[in-house]
Amino acid sequence: MEISWIQAAILGLFASLASMPGMGGTSIGNYTLGRPLVGGLICGLVLGDMSTGILVGVAMQIVYIALVTPGGTVSADVRAISYIGIPLAMVALKSYGLSADSADGQALATSFGTMVGTLGTVLFYGTATMNLVWQHMGWRSIEKGDFDKLYLVDMVYPWVSHLLFSFLPTMIMVKMGVPMVDLIKNYLPMDGLAMKTLFTVGSILPCVGIAILLKQIVTKALDFIPFFFGFTLAASLGINLVSATIIASMFAYLNYRIKMLQLTKTANATAVIVDDDDEEDI
């Protein structure tokens, strides 16, 4: 699988857009385009193998499903995972002859995502550091009363930061990473200790993502019941993530309707009590 310079440049552009505040805020930028699930679709379209891209993106998304950045603290950069890790993982799968939906294929994909995600934090903090220059220019403009320059500070100058720390690194690493994957393939055969270790670690990583998510949403012991029920249902029926999401959405809707009915009954009971009190006062 060969990645051209044009394909690498397109992926570099999406890596820039994935973290641009101007892209409709973080809702469209970081928290949509930057997610591996969406990045896998885009990488699949750009590289001409949509199914592999989506499967690799799903495998990486599970690991970082609960990733948050409190106060700008970043443990892994999903932008790098989506637009550097996924293309390189796709190349690696093709080189090793692995299927993206196999256990070994998913383990390899998550391992690539983890390695690139940690490296991507350097790019993230590099972008943030250079943006401080534009912020300083913005404060100077405010002090001088030149408010028109704030549009440049907000919408134009940050592109320089992303050109240097998102576009160029992504394009170069994606393009030049292909020979590196071939080199890894030659020096690290499938039956070697290094690759077996990589597959073992990669197969455990999704558990980390699920555990972090549970830590955020589970507040009492009873909250584990829906989780174990869904896990049992998925394991028994052998359904994929899309089917599990649809089933979970139905249960979420039913739970929402039940909660709304309970609130309605409580509101009606309160209204009746208020009316009785008014009649007694009369």
C-alpha atoms as a PDB file:
ATOM      1  CA  MET A   1       0.000   0.000   0.000  1.00  0.00           C
ATOM      2  CA  GLU A   2       1.597   3.241  -1.170  1.00  0.00           C
ATOM      3  CA  ILE A   3       0.665   6.722   0.086  1.00  0.00           C
ATOM      4  CA  SER A   4       1.240   9.579  -2.361  1.00  0.00           C
ATOM      5  CA  TRP A   5       2.260  13.092  -1.439  1.00  0.00           C
ATOM      6  CA  ILE A   6      -1.202  14.355  -2.403  1.00  0.00           C
ATOM      7  CA  GLN A   7      -2.889  11.862  -0.073  1.00  0.00           C
ATOM      8  CA  ALA A   8      -0.431  12.745   2.697  1.00  0.00           C
ATOM      9  CA  ALA A   9      -1.151  16.465   2.167  1.00  0.00           C
ATOM     10  CA  ILE A  10      -4.921  15.883   2.403  1.00  0.00           C
ATOM     11  CA  LEU A  11      -4.458  14.008   5.668  1.00  0.00           C
ATOM     12  CA  GLY A  12      -2.246  16.843   6.918  1.00  0.00           C
ATOM     13  CA  LEU A  13      -5.016  19.323   6.094  1.00  0.00           C
ATOM     14  CA  PHE A  14      -7.564  17.315   8.070  1.00  0.00           C
ATOM     15  CA  ALA A  15      -5.111  17.082  10.969  1.00  0.00           C
ATOM     16  CA  SER A  16      -5.012  20.882  10.990  1.00  0.00           C
ATOM     17  CA  LEU A  17      -8.794  21.242  10.752  1.00  0.00           C
ATOM     18  CA  ALA A  18      -9.259  18.690  13.547  1.00  0.00           C
ATOM     19  CA  SER A  19      -7.900  21.111  16.134  1.00  0.00           C
ATOM     20  CA  MET A  20      -8.797  24.503  14.654  1.00  0.00           C
ATOM     21  CA  PRO A  21     -11.086  26.550  16.925  1.00  0.00           C
ATOM     22  CA  GLY A  22     -12.474  28.244  13.841  1.00  0.00           C
ATOM     23  CA  MET A  23     -13.974  24.966  12.643  1.00  0.00           C
ATOM     24  CA  GLY A  24     -17.263  25.578  14.448  1.00  0.00           C
ATOM     25  CA  GLY A  25     -15.521  25.401  17.798  1.00  0.00           C
ATOM     26  CA  THR A  26     -14.335  22.160  19.316  1.00  0.00           C
ATOM     27  CA  SER A  27     -17.666  20.485  18.472  1.00  0.00           C
ATOM     28  CA  ILE A  28     -16.813  20.184  14.769  1.00  0.00           C
ATOM     29  CA  GLY A  29     -13.047  20.364  15.069  1.00  0.00           C
ATOM     30  CA  ASN A  30     -11.418  18.453  17.885  1.00  0.00           C
ATOM     31  CA  TYR A  31     -14.403  16.482  19.144  1.00  0.00           C
ATOM     32  CA  THR A  32     -15.620  15.394  15.696  1.00  0.00           C
ATOM     33  CA  LEU A  33     -12.952  15.495  12.989  1.00  0.00           C
ATOM     34  CA  GLY A  34     -10.284  14.634  15.532  1.00  0.00           C
ATOM     35  CA  ARG A  35     -11.938  11.449  16.805  1.00  0.00           C
ATOM     36  CA  PRO A  36     -10.434   8.189  15.472  1.00  0.00           C
ATOM     37  CA  LEU A  37     -13.921   6.953  14.541  1.00  0.00           C
ATOM     38  CA  VAL A  38     -14.371   9.882  12.137  1.00  0.00           C
ATOM     39  CA  GLY A  39     -10.694   9.961  11.197  1.00  0.00           C
ATOM     40  CA  GLY A  40     -10.871   6.302  10.164  1.00  0.00           C
ATOM     41  CA  LEU A  41     -13.657   7.117   7.696  1.00  0.00           C
ATOM     42  CA  ILE A  42     -11.727  10.060   6.255  1.00  0.00           C
ATOM     43  CA  CYS A  43      -8.464   8.095   6.014  1.00  0.00           C
ATOM     44  CA  GLY A  44     -10.328   5.247   4.345  1.00  0.00           C
ATOM     45  CA  LEU A  45     -11.805   7.617   1.763  1.00  0.00           C
ATOM     46  CA  VAL A  46      -8.453   9.306   1.072  1.00  0.00           C
ATOM     47  CA  LEU A  47      -6.459   6.068   0.850  1.00  0.00           C
ATOM     48  CA  GLY A  48      -9.133   4.150  -1.075  1.00  0.00           C
ATOM     49  CA  ASP A  49      -9.887   1.472   1.521  1.00  0.00           C
ATOM     50  CA  MET A  50     -12.882   2.655   3.516  1.00  0.00           C
ATOM     51  CA  SER A  51     -13.634  -0.608   5.318  1.00  0.00           C
ATOM     52  CA  THR A  52     -10.083  -0.961   6.674  1.00  0.00           C
ATOM     53  CA  GLY A  53     -10.000   2.692   7.684  1.00  0.00           C
ATOM     54  CA  ILE A  54     -13.262   2.437   9.626  1.00  0.00           C
ATOM     55  CA  LEU A  55     -12.250  -0.791  11.364  1.00  0.00           C
ATOM     56  CA  VAL A  56      -8.883   0.644  12.390  1.00  0.00           C
ATOM     57  CA  GLY A  57     -10.593   3.837  13.567  1.00  0.00           C
ATOM     58  CA  VAL A  58     -13.064   1.838  15.677  1.00  0.00           C
ATOM     59  CA  ALA A  59     -10.233  -0.134  17.292  1.00  0.00           C
ATOM     60  CA  MET A  60      -8.385   3.057  18.213  1.00  0.00           C
ATOM     61  CA  GLN A  61     -11.540   4.877  19.325  1.00  0.00           C
ATOM     62  CA  ILE A  62     -12.229   2.271  21.996  1.00  0.00           C
ATOM     63  CA  VAL A  63      -8.876   2.984  23.621  1.00  0.00           C
ATOM     64  CA  TYR A  64      -9.493   6.751  23.704  1.00  0.00           C
ATOM     65  CA  ILE A  65     -13.274   6.714  24.141  1.00  0.00           C
ATOM     66  CA  ALA A  66     -13.062   8.548  27.469  1.00  0.00           C
ATOM     67  CA  LEU A  67     -10.102  10.814  26.710  1.00  0.00           C
ATOM     68  CA  VAL A  68     -10.564  14.328  28.112  1.00  0.00           C
ATOM     69  CA  THR A  69      -8.192  17.297  28.294  1.00  0.00           C
ATOM     70  CA  PRO A  70      -8.833  19.052  31.639  1.00  0.00           C
ATOM     71  CA  GLY A  71      -7.073  22.399  31.769  1.00  0.00           C
ATOM     72  CA  GLY A  72      -5.214  21.641  28.547  1.00  0.00           C
ATOM     73  CA  THR A  73      -3.538  18.562  30.047  1.00  0.00           C
ATOM     74  CA  VAL A  74      -3.134  16.091  27.187  1.00  0.00           C
ATOM     75  CA  SER A  75      -2.015  12.497  27.681  1.00  0.00           C
ATOM     76  CA  ALA A  76      -2.458  11.619  24.005  1.00  0.00           C
ATOM     77  CA  ASP A  77      -3.222  13.664  20.907  1.00  0.00           C
ATOM     78  CA  VAL A  78      -6.208  12.217  19.021  1.00  0.00           C
ATOM     79  CA  ARG A  79      -5.357  14.392  16.035  1.00  0.00           C
ATOM     80  CA  ALA A  80      -2.111  12.476  15.586  1.00  0.00           C
ATOM     81  CA  ILE A  81      -3.841   9.171  16.329  1.00  0.00           C
ATOM     82  CA  SER A  82      -6.469   9.794  13.648  1.00  0.00           C
ATOM     83  CA  TYR A  83      -4.353  11.185  10.820  1.00  0.00           C
ATOM     84  CA  ILE A  84      -0.928   9.661  11.479  1.00  0.00           C
ATOM     85  CA  GLY A  85      -1.635   6.495  13.428  1.00  0.00           C
ATOM     86  CA  ILE A  86      -4.548   5.230  11.317  1.00  0.00           C
ATOM     87  CA  PRO A  87      -2.800   5.596   7.898  1.00  0.00           C
ATOM     88  CA  LEU A  88       0.371   3.951   9.213  1.00  0.00           C
ATOM     89  CA  ALA A  89      -1.658   1.180  10.838  1.00  0.00           C
ATOM     90  CA  MET A  90      -3.439   0.585   7.527  1.00  0.00           C
ATOM     91  CA  VAL A  91      -0.076   0.299   5.780  1.00  0.00           C
ATOM     92  CA  ALA A  92       1.207  -2.052   8.467  1.00  0.00           C
ATOM     93  CA  LEU A  93      -1.864  -4.305   8.177  1.00  0.00           C
ATOM     94  CA  LYS A  94      -1.374  -4.556   4.421  1.00  0.00           C
ATOM     95  CA  SER A  95       2.346  -5.272   4.849  1.00  0.00           C
ATOM     96  CA  TYR A  96       1.781  -8.055   7.381  1.00  0.00           C
ATOM     97  CA  GLY A  97      -1.191  -9.437   5.468  1.00  0.00           C
ATOM     98  CA  LEU A  98      -3.519  -9.024   8.448  1.00  0.00           C
ATOM     99  CA  SER A  99      -7.222  -8.337   8.291  1.00  0.00           C
ATOM    100  CA  ALA A 100      -8.458  -5.223  10.084  1.00  0.00           C
ATOM    101  CA  ASP A 101     -11.314  -7.151  11.694  1.00  0.00           C
ATOM    102  CA  SER A 102      -9.083  -9.882  13.109  1.00  0.00           C
ATOM    103  CA  ALA A 103      -7.849  -9.927  16.705  1.00  0.00           C
ATOM    104  CA  ASP A 104      -4.201  -9.524  15.658  1.00  0.00           C
ATOM    105  CA  GLY A 105      -5.124  -6.743  13.244  1.00  0.00           C
ATOM    106  CA  GLN A 106      -6.966  -4.755  15.891  1.00  0.00           C
ATOM    107  CA  ALA A 107      -4.155  -5.280  18.404  1.00  0.00           C
ATOM    108  CA  LEU A 108      -1.614  -3.996  15.888  1.00  0.00           C
ATOM    109  CA  ALA A 109      -3.814  -0.982  15.114  1.00  0.00           C
ATOM    110  CA  THR A 110      -4.246   0.001  18.765  1.00  0.00           C
ATOM    111  CA  SER A 111      -0.510  -0.354  19.356  1.00  0.00           C
ATOM    112  CA  PHE A 112       0.271   2.014  16.475  1.00  0.00           C
ATOM    113  CA  GLY A 113      -2.320   4.465  17.771  1.00  0.00           C
ATOM    114  CA  THR A 114      -0.820   4.466  21.254  1.00  0.00           C
ATOM    115  CA  MET A 115       2.709   5.063  20.013  1.00  0.00           C
ATOM    116  CA  VAL A 116       1.687   7.920  17.713  1.00  0.00           C
ATOM    117  CA  GLY A 117      -0.729   9.414  20.260  1.00  0.00           C
ATOM    118  CA  THR A 118       2.025   9.874  22.808  1.00  0.00           C
ATOM    119  CA  LEU A 119       4.304  11.391  20.175  1.00  0.00           C
ATOM    120  CA  GLY A 120       1.472  13.697  19.109  1.00  0.00           C
ATOM    121  CA  THR A 121       1.483  15.458  22.480  1.00  0.00           C
ATOM    122  CA  VAL A 122       4.719  17.143  21.386  1.00  0.00           C
ATOM    123  CA  LEU A 123       2.895  18.561  18.362  1.00  0.00           C
ATOM    124  CA  PHE A 124      -0.047  19.617  20.535  1.00  0.00           C
ATOM    125  CA  TYR A 125       2.071  21.562  23.005  1.00  0.00           C
ATOM    126  CA  GLY A 126       4.120  23.004  20.168  1.00  0.00           C
ATOM    127  CA  THR A 127       0.931  24.413  18.633  1.00  0.00           C
ATOM    128  CA  ALA A 128      -0.241  25.773  21.982  1.00  0.00           C
ATOM    129  CA  THR A 129       3.135  27.409  22.663  1.00  0.00           C
ATOM    130  CA  MET A 130       3.251  29.159  19.297  1.00  0.00           C
ATOM    131  CA  ASN A 131      -0.336  30.343  19.722  1.00  0.00           C
ATOM    132  CA  LEU A 132       0.839  32.298  22.772  1.00  0.00           C
ATOM    133  CA  VAL A 133       2.661  34.583  20.345  1.00  0.00           C
ATOM    134  CA  TRP A 134      -0.605  35.435  18.587  1.00  0.00           C
ATOM    135  CA  GLN A 135      -2.364  35.940  21.909  1.00  0.00           C
ATOM    136  CA  HIS A 136       0.325  38.403  22.954  1.00  0.00           C
ATOM    137  CA  MET A 137      -0.219  40.292  19.697  1.00  0.00           C
ATOM    138  CA  GLY A 138      -3.951  40.278  20.422  1.00  0.00           C
ATOM    139  CA  TRP A 139      -3.450  41.862  23.856  1.00  0.00           C
ATOM    140  CA  ARG A 140      -1.281  44.565  22.286  1.00  0.00           C
ATOM    141  CA  SER A 141      -4.033  45.294  19.761  1.00  0.00           C
ATOM    142  CA  ILE A 142      -6.573  45.627  22.569  1.00  0.00           C
ATOM    143  CA  GLU A 143      -4.330  48.008  24.475  1.00  0.00           C
ATOM    144  CA  LYS A 144      -3.969  50.163  21.353  1.00  0.00           C
ATOM    145  CA  GLY A 145      -7.695  49.972  20.600  1.00  0.00           C
ATOM    146  CA  ASP A 146      -7.051  48.282  17.252  1.00  0.00           C
ATOM    147  CA  PHE A 147      -9.827  45.706  17.554  1.00  0.00           C
ATOM    148  CA  ASP A 148      -9.878  44.840  13.841  1.00  0.00           C
ATOM    149  CA  LYS A 149      -6.607  42.919  14.241  1.00  0.00           C
ATOM    150  CA  LEU A 150      -8.341  40.520  16.617  1.00  0.00           C
ATOM    151  CA  TYR A 151      -9.907  38.805  13.615  1.00  0.00           C
ATOM    152  CA  LEU A 152      -6.405  38.046  12.326  1.00  0.00           C
ATOM    153  CA  VAL A 153      -5.343  36.774  15.734  1.00  0.00           C
ATOM    154  CA  ASP A 154      -8.370  34.501  15.983  1.00  0.00           C
ATOM    155  CA  MET A 155      -8.866  33.258  12.419  1.00  0.00           C
ATOM    156  CA  VAL A 156      -5.657  33.755  10.412  1.00  0.00           C
ATOM    157  CA  TYR A 157      -2.508  33.601  12.532  1.00  0.00           C
ATOM    158  CA  PRO A 158      -3.328  30.201  14.123  1.00  0.00           C
ATOM    159  CA  TRP A 159      -3.047  28.663  10.670  1.00  0.00           C
ATOM    160  CA  VAL A 160       0.683  29.359  10.849  1.00  0.00           C
ATOM    161  CA  SER A 161       0.884  27.294  14.039  1.00  0.00           C
ATOM    162  CA  HIS A 162      -1.067  24.435  12.509  1.00  0.00           C
ATOM    163  CA  LEU A 163       0.950  24.589   9.308  1.00  0.00           C
ATOM    164  CA  LEU A 164       4.137  24.023  11.304  1.00  0.00           C
ATOM    165  CA  PHE A 165       2.878  21.605  13.961  1.00  0.00           C
ATOM    166  CA  SER A 166      -0.047  19.803  12.282  1.00  0.00           C
ATOM    167  CA  PHE A 167       0.087  19.936   8.487  1.00  0.00           C
ATOM    168  CA  LEU A 168       3.803  19.465   7.816  1.00  0.00           C
ATOM    169  CA  PRO A 169       4.508  16.796  10.498  1.00  0.00           C
ATOM    170  CA  THR A 170       1.462  14.787   9.486  1.00  0.00           C
ATOM    171  CA  MET A 171       2.258  14.938   5.778  1.00  0.00           C
ATOM    172  CA  ILE A 172       5.912  14.001   6.277  1.00  0.00           C
ATOM    173  CA  MET A 173       5.313  11.241   8.840  1.00  0.00           C
ATOM    174  CA  VAL A 174       2.533   9.649   6.793  1.00  0.00           C
ATOM    175  CA  LYS A 175       4.575   9.718   3.599  1.00  0.00           C
ATOM    176  CA  MET A 176       7.920   8.774   5.128  1.00  0.00           C
ATOM    177  CA  GLY A 177       6.376   6.342   7.579  1.00  0.00           C
ATOM    178  CA  VAL A 178       5.644   3.797   4.859  1.00  0.00           C
ATOM    179  CA  PRO A 179       9.315   2.781   4.388  1.00  0.00           C
ATOM    180  CA  MET A 180       9.614   2.642   8.180  1.00  0.00           C
ATOM    181  CA  VAL A 181       6.707   0.187   8.327  1.00  0.00           C
ATOM    182  CA  ASP A 182       8.435  -1.942   5.700  1.00  0.00           C
ATOM    183  CA  LEU A 183      11.637  -1.794   7.761  1.00  0.00           C
ATOM    184  CA  ILE A 184       9.740  -2.913  10.871  1.00  0.00           C
ATOM    185  CA  LYS A 185       8.224  -5.760   8.889  1.00  0.00           C
ATOM    186  CA  ASN A 186      11.661  -6.984   7.792  1.00  0.00           C
ATOM    187  CA  TYR A 187      13.308  -6.785  11.220  1.00  0.00           C
ATOM    188  CA  LEU A 188      10.311  -7.811  13.335  1.00  0.00           C
ATOM    189  CA  PRO A 189       8.697 -10.947  11.895  1.00  0.00           C
ATOM    190  CA  MET A 190       5.204 -12.009  12.928  1.00  0.00           C
ATOM    191  CA  ASP A 191       6.419 -14.979  14.994  1.00  0.00           C
ATOM    192  CA  GLY A 192       9.059 -12.931  16.842  1.00  0.00           C
ATOM    193  CA  LEU A 193       8.939 -12.013  20.523  1.00  0.00           C
ATOM    194  CA  ALA A 194       8.631  -8.279  19.815  1.00  0.00           C
ATOM    195  CA  MET A 195       5.528  -8.626  17.630  1.00  0.00           C
ATOM    196  CA  LYS A 196       3.901 -11.102  20.025  1.00  0.00           C
ATOM    197  CA  THR A 197       4.468  -8.622  22.841  1.00  0.00           C
ATOM    198  CA  LEU A 198       3.043  -5.826  20.698  1.00  0.00           C
ATOM    199  CA  PHE A 199      -0.090  -7.848  19.932  1.00  0.00           C
ATOM    200  CA  THR A 200      -0.552  -8.782  23.591  1.00  0.00           C
ATOM    201  CA  VAL A 201      -0.260  -5.194  24.801  1.00  0.00           C
ATOM    202  CA  GLY A 202      -2.475  -3.962  21.980  1.00  0.00           C
ATOM    203  CA  SER A 203      -5.240  -6.417  22.846  1.00  0.00           C
ATOM    204  CA  ILE A 204      -5.284  -5.133  26.445  1.00  0.00           C
ATOM    205  CA  LEU A 205      -5.423  -1.420  25.581  1.00  0.00           C
ATOM    206  CA  PRO A 206      -9.200  -1.317  24.823  1.00  0.00           C
ATOM    207  CA  CYS A 207      -9.792  -2.452  28.421  1.00  0.00           C
ATOM    208  CA  VAL A 208      -8.042   0.723  29.571  1.00  0.00           C
ATOM    209  CA  GLY A 209     -10.421   2.917  27.557  1.00  0.00           C
ATOM    210  CA  ILE A 210     -13.502   1.091  28.846  1.00  0.00           C
ATOM    211  CA  ALA A 211     -12.204   1.266  32.432  1.00  0.00           C
ATOM    212  CA  ILE A 212     -11.666   5.033  32.191  1.00  0.00           C
ATOM    213  CA  LEU A 213     -15.176   5.465  30.779  1.00  0.00           C
ATOM    214  CA  LEU A 214     -16.702   3.385  33.581  1.00  0.00           C
ATOM    215  CA  LYS A 215     -14.817   5.418  36.173  1.00  0.00           C
ATOM    216  CA  GLN A 216     -16.514   8.539  34.842  1.00  0.00           C
ATOM    217  CA  ILE A 217     -20.102   7.237  34.555  1.00  0.00           C
ATOM    218  CA  VAL A 218     -20.385   4.715  37.403  1.00  0.00           C
ATOM    219  CA  THR A 219     -21.344   6.406  40.672  1.00  0.00           C
ATOM    220  CA  LYS A 220     -22.879   3.458  42.530  1.00  0.00           C
ATOM    221  CA  ALA A 221     -22.776  -0.332  42.356  1.00  0.00           C
ATOM    222  CA  LEU A 222     -26.165  -0.587  40.595  1.00  0.00           C
ATOM    223  CA  ASP A 223     -24.744   1.334  37.615  1.00  0.00           C
ATOM    224  CA  PHE A 224     -22.764  -1.781  36.701  1.00  0.00           C
ATOM    225  CA  ILE A 225     -25.975  -3.722  35.957  1.00  0.00           C
ATOM    226  CA  PRO A 226     -26.728  -2.043  32.570  1.00  0.00           C
ATOM    227  CA  PHE A 227     -23.072  -2.373  31.603  1.00  0.00           C
ATOM    228  CA  PHE A 228     -22.880  -6.094  32.360  1.00  0.00           C
ATOM    229  CA  PHE A 229     -26.268  -6.638  30.708  1.00  0.00           C
ATOM    230  CA  GLY A 230     -25.087  -4.944  27.509  1.00  0.00           C
ATOM    231  CA  PHE A 231     -21.791  -6.825  27.592  1.00  0.00           C
ATOM    232  CA  THR A 232     -23.627 -10.146  28.003  1.00  0.00           C
ATOM    233  CA  LEU A 233     -26.088  -9.276  25.258  1.00  0.00           C
ATOM    234  CA  ALA A 234     -23.301  -8.350  22.814  1.00  0.00           C
ATOM    235  CA  ALA A 235     -21.280 -11.474  23.658  1.00  0.00           C
ATOM    236  CA  SER A 236     -24.291 -13.794  23.371  1.00  0.00           C
ATOM    237  CA  LEU A 237     -25.660 -12.405  20.102  1.00  0.00           C
ATOM    238  CA  GLY A 238     -22.268 -11.756  18.534  1.00  0.00           C
ATOM    239  CA  ILE A 239     -23.328  -8.277  17.374  1.00  0.00           C
ATOM    240  CA  ASN A 240     -20.927  -5.580  16.233  1.00  0.00           C
ATOM    241  CA  LEU A 241     -20.483  -2.075  17.641  1.00  0.00           C
ATOM    242  CA  VAL A 242     -23.025  -0.491  15.284  1.00  0.00           C
ATOM    243  CA  SER A 243     -25.750  -2.950  16.301  1.00  0.00           C
ATOM    244  CA  ALA A 244     -24.835  -2.548  19.966  1.00  0.00           C
ATOM    245  CA  THR A 245     -25.123   1.236  19.610  1.00  0.00           C
ATOM    246  CA  ILE A 246     -28.606   0.965  18.085  1.00  0.00           C
ATOM    247  CA  ILE A 247     -29.771  -1.368  20.868  1.00  0.00           C
ATOM    248  CA  ALA A 248     -28.239   0.900  23.505  1.00  0.00           C
ATOM    249  CA  SER A 249     -29.990   3.901  21.955  1.00  0.00           C
ATOM    250  CA  MET A 250     -33.337   2.127  22.281  1.00  0.00           C
ATOM    251  CA  PHE A 251     -32.717   1.377  25.953  1.00  0.00           C
ATOM    252  CA  ALA A 252     -31.600   4.976  26.496  1.00  0.00           C
ATOM    253  CA  TYR A 253     -34.807   6.236  24.875  1.00  0.00           C
ATOM    254  CA  LEU A 254     -36.959   3.969  27.057  1.00  0.00           C
ATOM    255  CA  ASN A 255     -35.106   5.126  30.153  1.00  0.00           C
ATOM    256  CA  TYR A 256     -35.638   8.741  29.087  1.00  0.00           C
ATOM    257  CA  ARG A 257     -39.380   8.197  28.628  1.00  0.00           C
ATOM    258  CA  ILE A 258     -39.672   6.553  32.045  1.00  0.00           C
ATOM    259  CA  LYS A 259     -37.817   9.438  33.696  1.00  0.00           C
ATOM    260  CA  MET A 260     -40.067  11.978  31.967  1.00  0.00           C
ATOM    261  CA  LEU A 261     -43.208  10.147  33.107  1.00  0.00           C
ATOM    262  CA  GLN A 262     -41.908  10.143  36.670  1.00  0.00           C
ATOM    263  CA  LEU A 263     -41.226  13.874  36.506  1.00  0.00           C
ATOM    264  CA  THR A 264     -44.685  14.511  35.039  1.00  0.00           C
ATOM    265  CA  LYS A 265     -46.399  12.566  37.834  1.00  0.00           C
ATOM    266  CA  THR A 266     -44.350  14.435  40.446  1.00  0.00           C
ATOM    267  CA  ALA A 267     -45.260  17.789  38.883  1.00  0.00           C
ATOM    268  CA  ASN A 268     -48.990  16.878  38.749  1.00  0.00           C
ATOM    269  CA  ALA A 269     -48.965  15.727  42.376  1.00  0.00           C
ATOM    270  CA  THR A 270     -47.309  18.984  43.427  1.00  0.00           C
ATOM    271  CA  ALA A 271     -49.899  20.997  41.502  1.00  0.00           C
ATOM    272  CA  VAL A 272     -52.764  19.167  43.224  1.00  0.00           C
ATOM    273  CA  ILE A 273     -51.288  19.857  46.652  1.00  0.00           C
ATOM    274  CA  VAL A 274     -50.934  23.555  45.822  1.00  0.00           C
ATOM    275  CA  ASP A 275     -54.592  23.738  44.668  1.00  0.00           C
ATOM    276  CA  ASP A 276     -55.800  22.119  47.896  1.00  0.00           C
ATOM    277  CA  ASP A 277     -53.861  24.628  49.967  1.00  0.00           C
ATOM    278  CA  ASP A 278     -55.442  27.520  48.028  1.00  0.00           C
ATOM    279  CA  GLU A 279     -58.980  26.196  48.651  1.00  0.00           C
ATOM    280  CA  GLU A 280     -58.300  25.875  52.375  1.00  0.00           C
ATOM    281  CA  ASP A 281     -57.081  29.489  52.506  1.00  0.00           C
ATOM    282  CA  ILE A 282     -60.310  30.659  50.869  1.00  0.00           C
END
